[in-house]
Structure formats: structure tokens, C-alpha cells
Amino acid sequence: MLDKKKVSISVKTSLADKKRAAEIFDSLGLNLSTAINIFIKKSIAEGGLPFDVKDPFYSEANQAELNRRFKKVTNNQDIHPHQLLENEEQ
């Protein structure tokens, strides 16, 4: 049988994020503690985070755009030469 004793945890966040999250949870009829407990329970049920954590840099659309640009450079297309600026101290 699992221990039903409640323990406290401490989480550091910015005051602005705490206020924004509290407003969102309040509009859902939840307090921060209840919302965090829901997150923990859902994480346990999922066996990990209950949502995807992704870096937008690696999105399909961004990678396709980067590949398109690399192909242009490789094929010498749409390349505009730039003159270097003279150093005024010389």
C-alpha cells in the first residue's frame, strides 16, 4: 500500500509566471497546488511529461526552409555579394 502522507515541495519560478499561472488555474476553479498535483499525477500516468517538449528550431517547416536555403547557396542561386566596409582607422 502506498504512503498517503502529504509532503511539501518547493518550486522556483518568476513572480510574473506564478501570477499568470494562478490566474489561468483560478479561471478553471483550481489553485496552484491542485494544478501542480494534476500535472504530477498525469506525468505518472503517462510515464513522462504529459506533453511534447520540442525546440521549434527542429520543426519540419523550419528544417524544410533551412534545406531550401542551403540548396540555393550550394547551387549559387539568389546569392548577393556584399562589399566589406573599410576600417576608418586605417
PDB file of N, CA and C in Angstrom:
ATOM      1  N   MET A   1       0.840  -1.188   0.000  1.00  0.00           N
ATOM      2  CA  MET A   1       0.000   0.000   0.000  1.00  0.00           C
ATOM      3  C   MET A   1       0.885   1.251   0.000  1.00  0.00           C
ATOM      4  N   LEU A   2       0.536   2.210  -0.843  1.00  0.00           N
ATOM      5  CA  LEU A   2       1.320   3.432  -0.946  1.00  0.00           C
ATOM      6  C   LEU A   2       1.078   4.332   0.248  1.00  0.00           C
ATOM      7  N   ASP A   3       2.124   5.053   0.644  1.00  0.00           N
ATOM      8  CA  ASP A   3       2.033   6.001   1.745  1.00  0.00           C
ATOM      9  C   ASP A   3       1.159   7.181   1.315  1.00  0.00           C
ATOM     10  N   LYS A   4       0.134   7.499   2.063  1.00  0.00           N
ATOM     11  CA  LYS A   4      -0.784   8.597   1.729  1.00  0.00           C
ATOM     12  C   LYS A   4      -0.386   9.905   2.408  1.00  0.00           C
ATOM     13  N   LYS A   5       0.746   9.902   3.124  1.00  0.00           N
ATOM     14  CA  LYS A   5       1.206  11.099   3.811  1.00  0.00           C
ATOM     15  C   LYS A   5       1.534  12.179   2.781  1.00  0.00           C
ATOM     16  N   LYS A   6       1.097  13.381   3.039  1.00  0.00           N
ATOM     17  CA  LYS A   6       1.368  14.510   2.143  1.00  0.00           C
ATOM     18  C   LYS A   6       2.695  15.154   2.517  1.00  0.00           C
ATOM     19  N   VAL A   7       3.484  15.541   1.512  1.00  0.00           N
ATOM     20  CA  VAL A   7       4.748  16.236   1.724  1.00  0.00           C
ATOM     21  C   VAL A   7       4.732  17.529   0.924  1.00  0.00           C
ATOM     22  N   SER A   8       5.533  18.463   1.350  1.00  0.00           N
ATOM     23  CA  SER A   8       5.646  19.741   0.646  1.00  0.00           C
ATOM     24  C   SER A   8       6.812  19.682  -0.321  1.00  0.00           C
ATOM     25  N   ILE A   9       6.653  20.355  -1.455  1.00  0.00           N
ATOM     26  CA  ILE A   9       7.751  20.542  -2.386  1.00  0.00           C
ATOM     27  C   ILE A   9       7.871  22.039  -2.644  1.00  0.00           C
ATOM     28  N   SER A  10       9.046  22.468  -3.025  1.00  0.00           N
ATOM     29  CA  SER A  10       9.283  23.879  -3.302  1.00  0.00           C
ATOM     30  C   SER A  10       9.660  24.028  -4.765  1.00  0.00           C
ATOM     31  N   VAL A  11       9.036  24.985  -5.422  1.00  0.00           N
ATOM     32  CA  VAL A  11       9.301  25.230  -6.840  1.00  0.00           C
ATOM     33  C   VAL A  11       9.652  26.700  -7.008  1.00  0.00           C
ATOM     34  N   LYS A  12      10.717  26.969  -7.727  1.00  0.00           N
ATOM     35  CA  LYS A  12      11.124  28.352  -8.006  1.00  0.00           C
ATOM     36  C   LYS A  12      10.621  28.757  -9.385  1.00  0.00           C
ATOM     37  N   THR A  13      10.008  29.905  -9.471  1.00  0.00           N
ATOM     38  CA  THR A  13       9.560  30.477 -10.735  1.00  0.00           C
ATOM     39  C   THR A  13       9.521  31.989 -10.582  1.00  0.00           C
ATOM     40  N   SER A  14       9.344  32.682 -11.671  1.00  0.00           N
ATOM     41  CA  SER A  14       9.266  34.142 -11.572  1.00  0.00           C
ATOM     42  C   SER A  14       7.907  34.531 -11.006  1.00  0.00           C
ATOM     43  N   LEU A  15       7.863  35.689 -10.383  1.00  0.00           N
ATOM     44  CA  LEU A  15       6.611  36.193  -9.821  1.00  0.00           C
ATOM     45  C   LEU A  15       5.571  36.375 -10.922  1.00  0.00           C
ATOM     46  N   ALA A  16       6.019  36.864 -12.080  1.00  0.00           N
ATOM     47  CA  ALA A  16       5.089  37.086 -13.196  1.00  0.00           C
ATOM     48  C   ALA A  16       4.477  35.766 -13.667  1.00  0.00           C
ATOM     49  N   ASP A  17       5.313  34.710 -13.790  1.00  0.00           N
ATOM     50  CA  ASP A  17       4.794  33.407 -14.220  1.00  0.00           C
ATOM     51  C   ASP A  17       3.830  32.840 -13.180  1.00  0.00           C
ATOM     52  N   LYS A  18       4.166  32.994 -11.911  1.00  0.00           N
ATOM     53  CA  LYS A  18       3.278  32.499 -10.849  1.00  0.00           C
ATOM     54  C   LYS A  18       1.915  33.186 -10.933  1.00  0.00           C
ATOM     55  N   LYS A  19       1.927  34.492 -11.115  1.00  0.00           N
ATOM     56  CA  LYS A  19       0.666  35.239 -11.199  1.00  0.00           C
ATOM     57  C   LYS A  19      -0.146  34.818 -12.412  1.00  0.00           C
ATOM     58  N   ARG A  20       0.519  34.687 -13.559  1.00  0.00           N
ATOM     59  CA  ARG A  20      -0.199  34.298 -14.784  1.00  0.00           C
ATOM     60  C   ARG A  20      -0.787  32.903 -14.656  1.00  0.00           C
ATOM     61  N   ALA A  21       0.010  31.964 -14.127  1.00  0.00           N
ATOM     62  CA  ALA A  21      -0.478  30.594 -13.949  1.00  0.00           C
ATOM     63  C   ALA A  21      -1.628  30.563 -12.956  1.00  0.00           C
ATOM     64  N   ALA A  22      -1.503  31.305 -11.853  1.00  0.00           N
ATOM     65  CA  ALA A  22      -2.562  31.337 -10.840  1.00  0.00           C
ATOM     66  C   ALA A  22      -3.865  31.873 -11.437  1.00  0.00           C
ATOM     67  N   GLU A  23      -3.772  32.873 -12.299  1.00  0.00           N
ATOM     68  CA  GLU A  23      -4.973  33.421 -12.943  1.00  0.00           C
ATOM     69  C   GLU A  23      -5.634  32.372 -13.845  1.00  0.00           C
ATOM     70  N   ILE A  24      -4.822  31.662 -14.614  1.00  0.00           N
ATOM     71  CA  ILE A  24      -5.353  30.619 -15.505  1.00  0.00           C
ATOM     72  C   ILE A  24      -6.025  29.521 -14.690  1.00  0.00           C
ATOM     73  N   PHE A  25      -5.317  29.027 -13.667  1.00  0.00           N
ATOM     74  CA  PHE A  25      -5.873  27.943 -12.859  1.00  0.00           C
ATOM     75  C   PHE A  25      -7.115  28.398 -12.099  1.00  0.00           C
ATOM     76  N   ASP A  26      -7.093  29.640 -11.620  1.00  0.00           N
ATOM     77  CA  ASP A  26      -8.255  30.180 -10.917  1.00  0.00           C
ATOM     78  C   ASP A  26      -9.478  30.202 -11.833  1.00  0.00           C
ATOM     79  N   SER A  27      -9.265  30.552 -13.104  1.00  0.00           N
ATOM     80  CA  SER A  27     -10.394  30.585 -14.052  1.00  0.00           C
ATOM     81  C   SER A  27     -10.947  29.178 -14.302  1.00  0.00           C
ATOM     82  N   LEU A  28     -10.133  28.154 -13.993  1.00  0.00           N
ATOM     83  CA  LEU A  28     -10.563  26.765 -14.129  1.00  0.00           C
ATOM     84  C   LEU A  28     -11.082  26.199 -12.804  1.00  0.00           C
ATOM     85  N   GLY A  29     -11.092  27.041 -11.773  1.00  0.00           N
ATOM     86  CA  GLY A  29     -11.551  26.598 -10.459  1.00  0.00           C
ATOM     87  C   GLY A  29     -10.507  25.820  -9.690  1.00  0.00           C
ATOM     88  N   LEU A  30      -9.236  26.038 -10.015  1.00  0.00           N
ATOM     89  CA  LEU A  30      -8.139  25.323  -9.359  1.00  0.00           C
ATOM     90  C   LEU A  30      -7.196  26.307  -8.677  1.00  0.00           C
ATOM     91  N   ASN A  31      -6.528  25.842  -7.629  1.00  0.00           N
ATOM     92  CA  ASN A  31      -5.435  26.632  -7.080  1.00  0.00           C
ATOM     93  C   ASN A  31      -4.121  26.042  -7.593  1.00  0.00           C
ATOM     94  N   LEU A  32      -3.012  26.718  -7.314  1.00  0.00           N
ATOM     95  CA  LEU A  32      -1.714  26.248  -7.819  1.00  0.00           C
ATOM     96  C   LEU A  32      -1.385  24.842  -7.333  1.00  0.00           C
ATOM     97  N   SER A  33      -1.633  24.569  -6.078  1.00  0.00           N
ATOM     98  CA  SER A  33      -1.317  23.267  -5.513  1.00  0.00           C
ATOM     99  C   SER A  33      -2.077  22.152  -6.231  1.00  0.00           C
ATOM    100  N   THR A  34      -3.352  22.355  -6.461  1.00  0.00           N
ATOM    101  CA  THR A  34      -4.167  21.349  -7.142  1.00  0.00           C
ATOM    102  C   THR A  34      -3.688  21.164  -8.586  1.00  0.00           C
ATOM    103  N   ALA A  35      -3.386  22.266  -9.264  1.00  0.00           N
ATOM    104  CA  ALA A  35      -2.919  22.187 -10.652  1.00  0.00           C
ATOM    105  C   ALA A  35      -1.585  21.441 -10.739  1.00  0.00           C
ATOM    106  N   ILE A  36      -0.680  21.720  -9.806  1.00  0.00           N
ATOM    107  CA  ILE A  36       0.613  21.027  -9.812  1.00  0.00           C
ATOM    108  C   ILE A  36       0.418  19.542  -9.518  1.00  0.00           C
ATOM    109  N   ASN A  37      -0.491  19.212  -8.605  1.00  0.00           N
ATOM    110  CA  ASN A  37      -0.781  17.809  -8.321  1.00  0.00           C
ATOM    111  C   ASN A  37      -1.383  17.101  -9.530  1.00  0.00           C
ATOM    112  N   ILE A  38      -2.214  17.789 -10.293  1.00  0.00           N
ATOM    113  CA  ILE A  38      -2.758  17.210 -11.526  1.00  0.00           C
ATOM    114  C   ILE A  38      -1.625  16.924 -12.501  1.00  0.00           C
ATOM    115  N   PHE A  39      -0.700  17.873 -12.634  1.00  0.00           N
ATOM    116  CA  PHE A  39       0.461  17.677 -13.506  1.00  0.00           C
ATOM    117  C   PHE A  39       1.273  16.458 -13.066  1.00  0.00           C
ATOM    118  N   ILE A  40       1.522  16.331 -11.774  1.00  0.00           N
ATOM    119  CA  ILE A  40       2.306  15.203 -11.259  1.00  0.00           C
ATOM    120  C   ILE A  40       1.587  13.881 -11.531  1.00  0.00           C
ATOM    121  N   LYS A  41       0.286  13.821 -11.231  1.00  0.00           N
ATOM    122  CA  LYS A  41      -0.485  12.584 -11.452  1.00  0.00           C
ATOM    123  C   LYS A  41      -0.508  12.210 -12.929  1.00  0.00           C
ATOM    124  N   LYS A  42      -0.693  13.192 -13.797  1.00  0.00           N
ATOM    125  CA  LYS A  42      -0.722  12.934 -15.238  1.00  0.00           C
ATOM    126  C   LYS A  42       0.654  12.474 -15.733  1.00  0.00           C
ATOM    127  N   SER A  43       1.717  13.053 -15.200  1.00  0.00           N
ATOM    128  CA  SER A  43       3.073  12.636 -15.565  1.00  0.00           C
ATOM    129  C   SER A  43       3.314  11.188 -15.171  1.00  0.00           C
ATOM    130  N   ILE A  44       2.844  10.807 -13.989  1.00  0.00           N
ATOM    131  CA  ILE A  44       2.979   9.422 -13.531  1.00  0.00           C
ATOM    132  C   ILE A  44       2.194   8.495 -14.455  1.00  0.00           C
ATOM    133  N   ALA A  45       0.963   8.877 -14.783  1.00  0.00           N
ATOM    134  CA  ALA A  45       0.123   8.046 -15.653  1.00  0.00           C
ATOM    135  C   ALA A  45       0.731   7.892 -17.047  1.00  0.00           C
ATOM    136  N   GLU A  46       1.352   8.945 -17.554  1.00  0.00           N
ATOM    137  CA  GLU A  46       1.957   8.926 -18.893  1.00  0.00           C
ATOM    138  C   GLU A  46       3.346   8.289 -18.887  1.00  0.00           C
ATOM    139  N   GLY A  47       3.956   8.197 -17.715  1.00  0.00           N
ATOM    140  CA  GLY A  47       5.328   7.703 -17.640  1.00  0.00           C
ATOM    141  C   GLY A  47       6.332   8.722 -18.135  1.00  0.00           C
ATOM    142  N   GLY A  48       5.986   9.970 -18.073  1.00  0.00           N
ATOM    143  CA  GLY A  48       6.841  11.068 -18.526  1.00  0.00           C
ATOM    144  C   GLY A  48       6.028  12.341 -18.551  1.00  0.00           C
ATOM    145  N   LEU A  49       6.554  13.348 -19.216  1.00  0.00           N
ATOM    146  CA  LEU A  49       5.803  14.596 -19.310  1.00  0.00           C
ATOM    147  C   LEU A  49       4.520  14.365 -20.102  1.00  0.00           C
ATOM    148  N   PRO A  50       3.420  14.970 -19.671  1.00  0.00           N
ATOM    149  CA  PRO A  50       2.144  14.753 -20.359  1.00  0.00           C
ATOM    150  C   PRO A  50       1.953  15.621 -21.612  1.00  0.00           C
ATOM    151  N   PHE A  51       3.050  16.095 -22.160  1.00  0.00           N
ATOM    152  CA  PHE A  51       3.016  16.898 -23.381  1.00  0.00           C
ATOM    153  C   PHE A  51       4.387  16.818 -24.030  1.00  0.00           C
ATOM    154  N   ASP A  52       4.468  17.167 -25.304  1.00  0.00           N
ATOM    155  CA  ASP A  52       5.747  17.150 -26.012  1.00  0.00           C
ATOM    156  C   ASP A  52       6.551  18.399 -25.666  1.00  0.00           C
ATOM    157  N   VAL A  53       7.827  18.212 -25.477  1.00  0.00           N
ATOM    158  CA  VAL A  53       8.740  19.330 -25.277  1.00  0.00           C
ATOM    159  C   VAL A  53       9.636  19.364 -26.502  1.00  0.00           C
ATOM    160  N   LYS A  54       9.485  20.403 -27.306  1.00  0.00           N
ATOM    161  CA  LYS A  54      10.211  20.480 -28.568  1.00  0.00           C
ATOM    162  C   LYS A  54      10.861  21.833 -28.722  1.00  0.00           C
ATOM    163  N   ASP A  55      11.979  21.829 -29.400  1.00  0.00           N
ATOM    164  CA  ASP A  55      12.644  23.062 -29.788  1.00  0.00           C
ATOM    165  C   ASP A  55      12.101  23.427 -31.169  1.00  0.00           C
ATOM    166  N   PRO A  56      11.468  24.602 -31.336  1.00  0.00           N
ATOM    167  CA  PRO A  56      10.880  24.962 -32.628  1.00  0.00           C
ATOM    168  C   PRO A  56      11.889  25.006 -33.770  1.00  0.00           C
ATOM    169  N   PHE A  57      13.172  25.133 -33.452  1.00  0.00           N
ATOM    170  CA  PHE A  57      14.200  25.125 -34.493  1.00  0.00           C
ATOM    171  C   PHE A  57      14.144  23.838 -35.302  1.00  0.00           C
ATOM    172  N   TYR A  58      13.798  22.728 -34.651  1.00  0.00           N
ATOM    173  CA  TYR A  58      13.797  21.431 -35.311  1.00  0.00           C
ATOM    174  C   TYR A  58      12.447  21.048 -35.908  1.00  0.00           C
ATOM    175  N   SER A  59      11.527  21.990 -35.987  1.00  0.00           N
ATOM    176  CA  SER A  59      10.225  21.700 -36.583  1.00  0.00           C
ATOM    177  C   SER A  59      10.400  21.359 -38.066  1.00  0.00           C
ATOM    178  N   GLU A  60       9.465  20.597 -38.605  1.00  0.00           N
ATOM    179  CA  GLU A  60       9.550  20.196 -40.020  1.00  0.00           C
ATOM    180  C   GLU A  60       9.598  21.416 -40.932  1.00  0.00           C
ATOM    181  N   ALA A  61       8.770  22.399 -40.645  1.00  0.00           N
ATOM    182  CA  ALA A  61       8.716  23.589 -41.501  1.00  0.00           C
ATOM    183  C   ALA A  61      10.036  24.344 -41.487  1.00  0.00           C
ATOM    184  N   ASN A  62      10.630  24.507 -40.308  1.00  0.00           N
ATOM    185  CA  ASN A  62      11.897  25.229 -40.220  1.00  0.00           C
ATOM    186  C   ASN A  62      13.015  24.458 -40.901  1.00  0.00           C
ATOM    187  N   GLN A  63      13.065  23.149 -40.694  1.00  0.00           N
ATOM    188  CA  GLN A  63      14.098  22.338 -41.329  1.00  0.00           C
ATOM    189  C   GLN A  63      13.953  22.360 -42.854  1.00  0.00           C
ATOM    190  N   ALA A  64      12.726  22.338 -43.355  1.00  0.00           N
ATOM    191  CA  ALA A  64      12.493  22.405 -44.803  1.00  0.00           C
ATOM    192  C   ALA A  64      12.986  23.742 -45.359  1.00  0.00           C
ATOM    193  N   GLU A  65      12.723  24.829 -44.633  1.00  0.00           N
ATOM    194  CA  GLU A  65      13.172  26.157 -45.073  1.00  0.00           C
ATOM    195  C   GLU A  65      14.699  26.231 -45.067  1.00  0.00           C
ATOM    196  N   LEU A  66      15.327  25.717 -44.035  1.00  0.00           N
ATOM    197  CA  LEU A  66      16.795  25.709 -43.991  1.00  0.00           C
ATOM    198  C   LEU A  66      17.380  24.896 -45.142  1.00  0.00           C
ATOM    199  N   ASN A  67      16.805  23.726 -45.402  1.00  0.00           N
ATOM    200  CA  ASN A  67      17.284  22.896 -46.524  1.00  0.00           C
ATOM    201  C   ASN A  67      17.117  23.608 -47.850  1.00  0.00           C
ATOM    202  N   ARG A  68      15.999  24.325 -48.029  1.00  0.00           N
ATOM    203  CA  ARG A  68      15.760  25.084 -49.259  1.00  0.00           C
ATOM    204  C   ARG A  68      16.849  26.144 -49.435  1.00  0.00           C
ATOM    205  N   ARG A  69      17.168  26.840 -48.362  1.00  0.00           N
ATOM    206  CA  ARG A  69      18.191  27.891 -48.432  1.00  0.00           C
ATOM    207  C   ARG A  69      19.581  27.309 -48.671  1.00  0.00           C
ATOM    208  N   PHE A  70      19.900  26.188 -48.027  1.00  0.00           N
ATOM    209  CA  PHE A  70      21.204  25.549 -48.253  1.00  0.00           C
ATOM    210  C   PHE A  70      21.351  25.122 -49.709  1.00  0.00           C
ATOM    211  N   LYS A  71      20.286  24.610 -50.304  1.00  0.00           N
ATOM    212  CA  LYS A  71      20.333  24.202 -51.712  1.00  0.00           C
ATOM    213  C   LYS A  71      20.604  25.402 -52.608  1.00  0.00           C
ATOM    214  N   LYS A  72      19.983  26.542 -52.296  1.00  0.00           N
ATOM    215  CA  LYS A  72      20.214  27.754 -53.086  1.00  0.00           C
ATOM    216  C   LYS A  72      21.681  28.172 -53.009  1.00  0.00           C
ATOM    217  N   VAL A  73      22.233  28.131 -51.826  1.00  0.00           N
ATOM    218  CA  VAL A  73      23.642  28.519 -51.649  1.00  0.00           C
ATOM    219  C   VAL A  73      24.541  27.534 -52.388  1.00  0.00           C
ATOM    220  N   THR A  74      24.255  26.252 -52.249  1.00  0.00           N
ATOM    221  CA  THR A  74      25.048  25.216 -52.906  1.00  0.00           C
ATOM    222  C   THR A  74      25.013  25.387 -54.427  1.00  0.00           C
ATOM    223  N   ASN A  75      23.886  25.791 -54.966  1.00  0.00           N
ATOM    224  CA  ASN A  75      23.721  25.972 -56.408  1.00  0.00           C
ATOM    225  C   ASN A  75      24.013  27.405 -56.862  1.00  0.00           C
ATOM    226  N   ASN A  76      24.580  28.206 -55.965  1.00  0.00           N
ATOM    227  CA  ASN A  76      24.906  29.614 -56.261  1.00  0.00           C
ATOM    228  C   ASN A  76      23.705  30.398 -56.755  1.00  0.00           C
ATOM    229  N   GLN A  77      22.550  30.137 -56.207  1.00  0.00           N
ATOM    230  CA  GLN A  77      21.336  30.854 -56.588  1.00  0.00           C
ATOM    231  C   GLN A  77      21.004  31.901 -55.528  1.00  0.00           C
ATOM    232  N   ASP A  78      20.507  33.041 -56.001  1.00  0.00           N
ATOM    233  CA  ASP A  78      19.985  34.071 -55.102  1.00  0.00           C
ATOM    234  C   ASP A  78      21.015  34.489 -54.049  1.00  0.00           C
ATOM    235  N   ILE A  79      22.286  34.554 -54.467  1.00  0.00           N
ATOM    236  CA  ILE A  79      23.349  34.987 -53.566  1.00  0.00           C
ATOM    237  C   ILE A  79      23.729  36.405 -53.947  1.00  0.00           C
ATOM    238  N   HIS A  80      23.739  37.278 -52.980  1.00  0.00           N
ATOM    239  CA  HIS A  80      24.039  38.686 -53.225  1.00  0.00           C
ATOM    240  C   HIS A  80      25.371  39.032 -52.558  1.00  0.00           C
ATOM    241  N   PRO A  81      26.377  39.398 -53.352  1.00  0.00           N
ATOM    242  CA  PRO A  81      27.669  39.740 -52.749  1.00  0.00           C
ATOM    243  C   PRO A  81      27.562  41.048 -51.964  1.00  0.00           C
ATOM    244  N   HIS A  82      28.341  41.133 -50.923  1.00  0.00           N
ATOM    245  CA  HIS A  82      28.382  42.344 -50.106  1.00  0.00           C
ATOM    246  C   HIS A  82      29.814  42.839 -50.057  1.00  0.00           C
ATOM    247  N   GLN A  83      29.953  44.151 -50.217  1.00  0.00           N
ATOM    248  CA  GLN A  83      31.294  44.717 -50.113  1.00  0.00           C
ATOM    249  C   GLN A  83      31.621  44.904 -48.637  1.00  0.00           C
ATOM    250  N   LEU A  84      32.881  44.640 -48.297  1.00  0.00           N
ATOM    251  CA  LEU A  84      33.312  44.871 -46.925  1.00  0.00           C
ATOM    252  C   LEU A  84      33.490  46.354 -46.702  1.00  0.00           C
ATOM    253  N   LEU A  85      33.158  46.798 -45.520  1.00  0.00           N
ATOM    254  CA  LEU A  85      33.328  48.201 -45.180  1.00  0.00           C
ATOM    255  C   LEU A  85      34.794  48.450 -44.825  1.00  0.00           C
ATOM    256  N   GLU A  86      35.291  49.564 -45.276  1.00  0.00           N
ATOM    257  CA  GLU A  86      36.668  49.943 -44.968  1.00  0.00           C
ATOM    258  C   GLU A  86      36.757  50.330 -43.513  1.00  0.00           C
ATOM    259  N   ASN A  87      37.840  49.938 -42.864  1.00  0.00           N
ATOM    260  CA  ASN A  87      38.067  50.319 -41.488  1.00  0.00           C
ATOM    261  C   ASN A  87      38.513  51.778 -41.473  1.00  0.00           C
ATOM    262  N   GLU A  88      37.782  52.636 -40.800  1.00  0.00           N
ATOM    263  CA  GLU A  88      38.062  54.073 -40.807  1.00  0.00           C
ATOM    264  C   GLU A  88      39.369  54.421 -40.117  1.00  0.00           C
ATOM    265  N   GLU A  89      39.893  53.547 -39.274  1.00  0.00           N
ATOM    266  CA  GLU A  89      41.120  53.839 -38.540  1.00  0.00           C
ATOM    267  C   GLU A  89      42.356  53.645 -39.409  1.00  0.00           C
ATOM    268  N   GLN A  90      42.266  53.008 -40.547  1.00  0.00           N
ATOM    269  CA  GLN A  90      43.444  52.738 -41.386  1.00  0.00           C
ATOM    270  C   GLN A  90      43.832  53.946 -42.174  1.00  0.00           C
TER     271      GLN A  90
END
